[in-house]
Protein backbone atom coordinates (compact mmCIF):
# COMPACT_ATOMS: atom_id res chain seq x y z
CA MET A 1 -20.51 -39.94 34.20
CA PHE A 2 -22.66 -36.98 33.17
CA GLY A 3 -19.73 -34.55 33.62
CA GLY A 4 -17.57 -36.67 31.33
CA MET A 5 -20.17 -36.51 28.55
CA ILE A 6 -20.33 -32.71 28.82
CA ILE A 7 -16.57 -32.48 28.47
CA ILE A 8 -16.61 -34.75 25.41
CA TRP A 9 -19.35 -32.65 23.76
CA ILE A 10 -17.44 -29.44 24.52
CA ILE A 11 -14.34 -30.91 22.87
CA ILE A 12 -16.32 -32.06 19.82
CA ILE A 13 -18.08 -28.69 19.37
CA GLY A 14 -14.83 -26.82 19.95
CA GLY A 15 -13.13 -28.94 17.28
CA ILE A 16 -15.89 -28.22 14.79
CA VAL A 17 -15.71 -24.48 15.49
CA TRP A 18 -11.92 -24.53 15.12
CA LEU A 19 -12.17 -26.44 11.82
CA ILE A 20 -14.68 -23.96 10.39
CA LYS A 21 -12.50 -21.00 11.42
CA TYR A 22 -9.41 -22.65 9.94
CA ILE A 23 -11.09 -23.29 6.59
CA ASN A 24 -12.48 -19.74 6.42
CA GLU A 25 -9.09 -18.18 7.20
CA ARG A 26 -7.33 -20.36 4.64
CA ASP A 27 -9.87 -19.47 1.95
CA GLY A 28 -9.52 -15.80 2.87
CA LEU A 29 -5.77 -15.95 2.29
CA VAL A 30 -6.28 -17.55 -1.12
CA ASN A 31 -8.87 -14.95 -2.11
CA ASN A 32 -6.68 -12.07 -0.95
CA LYS A 33 -3.84 -13.30 -3.16
CA ARG A 34 -6.16 -13.27 -6.17
CA GLU A 35 -7.44 -9.80 -5.38
CA SER A 36 -3.97 -8.35 -4.89
CA ARG A 37 -3.20 -8.68 -8.61
CA PRO A 38 -3.70 -5.42 -10.49
CA SER A 39 -6.46 -5.31 -13.07
CA ALA A 40 -5.80 -4.68 -16.74
CA LEU A 41 -7.09 -1.14 -16.33
CA ASP A 42 -4.70 -0.53 -13.42
CA ILE A 43 -1.78 -1.73 -15.54
CA LEU A 44 -2.90 0.49 -18.41
CA GLN A 45 -3.08 3.53 -16.10
CA GLU A 46 0.39 2.77 -14.74
CA ARG A 47 1.84 2.49 -18.25
CA TYR A 48 0.28 5.83 -19.20
CA ALA A 49 1.54 7.46 -16.02
CA ARG A 50 5.09 6.24 -16.72
CA GLY A 51 4.90 7.63 -20.26
CA GLU A 52 5.17 4.24 -21.95
CA ILE A 53 2.08 4.90 -24.09
CA SER A 54 0.55 8.02 -25.58
CA ARG A 55 -2.79 9.51 -24.60
CA GLU A 56 -4.34 8.21 -27.80
CA GLU A 57 -3.13 4.67 -27.12
CA TYR A 58 -4.38 4.97 -23.54
CA GLU A 59 -7.84 6.05 -24.66
CA GLU A 60 -8.06 3.30 -27.30
CA HIS A 61 -7.07 0.57 -24.85
CA LYS A 62 -9.30 1.98 -22.14
CA GLN A 63 -12.33 1.87 -24.44
CA THR A 64 -11.52 -1.74 -25.29
CA LEU A 65 -11.25 -2.71 -21.64
CA VAL A 66 -14.32 -0.83 -20.43
CA HIS A 67 -16.66 -2.18 -23.10
């Protein structure tokens, strides 16, 4: 009788631990997708590096983004 109760509690606690880990991993995947998007400053630097905008345009846009 006592051994059966221990097994039930182990299963319940294990299920709770698994549920918490599952939720944390799922939220981590969602957050990583958001963070993987380049920032506006990154895009601006890429455009300048490719020669799509001049240095003056780069500096103007950079000042706008930084402030």
